[in-house]
Amino acid sequence: MKTSIALIAVAVLVGGCDKVDNLSTPQKGMLTGAALGTGIGLATGGTFGAVVGAGLIGGAVGYLGGTAIENSK
């Protein structure tokens, strides 16, 4: 069940993008962070809420990191 939810979440995140090349650095960071957060939540055996929360937090941190990288250029 958890694996199915993770795969659906990744498909929705990736499916929401027209092309990865057209994404800004913060958007790429958000996608990467959300995928990593969800994966870590699943790997640790978290509950559904914990896995979703980890994905959301990972996405937020990835977006902020991407923004910092873009602003430092």
Protein backbone atom coordinates (compact mmCIF):
# COMPACT_ATOMS: atom_id res chain seq x y z
CA MET A 1 0.00 0.00 0.00
CA LYS A 2 2.75 2.44 0.95
CA THR A 3 4.68 1.70 -2.22
CA SER A 4 1.60 2.34 -4.33
CA ILE A 5 1.02 5.69 -2.64
CA ALA A 6 4.64 6.71 -3.17
CA LEU A 7 4.53 5.78 -6.85
CA ILE A 8 1.30 7.70 -7.34
CA ALA A 9 2.79 10.74 -5.57
CA VAL A 10 5.88 10.67 -7.79
CA ALA A 11 3.74 10.25 -10.92
CA VAL A 12 1.60 13.23 -9.94
CA LEU A 13 4.64 15.40 -9.22
CA VAL A 14 6.39 14.50 -12.46
CA GLY A 15 3.17 14.55 -14.49
CA GLY A 16 2.53 18.11 -13.42
CA CYS A 17 5.59 19.28 -15.31
CA ASP A 18 5.48 19.96 -19.04
CA LYS A 19 9.20 19.47 -19.41
CA VAL A 20 11.85 19.28 -16.74
CA ASP A 21 14.10 21.51 -18.87
CA ASN A 22 11.62 24.38 -18.56
CA LEU A 23 11.57 24.32 -14.75
CA SER A 24 13.35 26.92 -12.69
CA THR A 25 15.98 25.89 -10.15
CA PRO A 26 13.54 26.26 -7.19
CA GLN A 27 10.99 24.07 -8.99
CA LYS A 28 13.60 21.38 -9.66
CA GLY A 29 14.65 21.55 -6.01
CA MET A 30 11.03 21.17 -4.93
CA LEU A 31 10.53 18.06 -7.04
CA THR A 32 13.77 16.51 -5.84
CA GLY A 33 13.08 17.36 -2.20
CA ALA A 34 9.54 16.00 -2.33
CA ALA A 35 10.70 12.75 -3.90
CA LEU A 36 13.51 12.35 -1.37
CA GLY A 37 11.28 13.21 1.57
CA THR A 38 8.64 10.73 0.48
CA GLY A 39 11.24 8.04 -0.11
CA ILE A 40 12.84 8.56 3.27
CA GLY A 41 9.42 8.51 4.94
CA LEU A 42 8.64 5.20 3.27
CA ALA A 43 12.06 3.70 4.02
CA THR A 44 11.69 4.45 7.71
CA GLY A 45 8.29 2.75 7.77
CA GLY A 46 6.34 5.87 8.64
CA THR A 47 2.58 6.10 8.73
CA PHE A 48 0.69 7.61 5.80
CA GLY A 49 0.61 11.01 7.50
CA ALA A 50 4.33 10.89 8.23
CA VAL A 51 5.16 9.97 4.63
CA VAL A 52 3.00 12.76 3.22
CA GLY A 53 4.43 15.21 5.74
CA ALA A 54 7.98 14.20 4.87
CA GLY A 55 7.21 14.77 1.18
CA LEU A 56 5.74 18.20 1.88
CA ILE A 57 8.62 19.24 4.10
CA GLY A 58 11.14 17.90 1.59
CA GLY A 59 9.45 19.86 -1.17
CA ALA A 60 9.52 23.07 0.86
CA VAL A 61 13.18 22.66 1.80
CA GLY A 62 14.07 21.83 -1.80
CA TYR A 63 12.26 24.93 -3.05
CA LEU A 64 14.03 27.16 -0.55
CA GLY A 65 17.38 25.59 -1.42
CA GLY A 66 16.73 26.09 -5.12
CA THR A 67 15.80 29.70 -4.51
CA ALA A 68 19.03 30.27 -2.59
CA ILE A 69 21.06 28.70 -5.39
CA GLU A 70 19.30 30.77 -8.03
CA ASN A 71 19.78 34.01 -6.06
CA SER A 72 23.50 33.35 -5.56
CA LYS A 73 24.17 33.30 -9.32
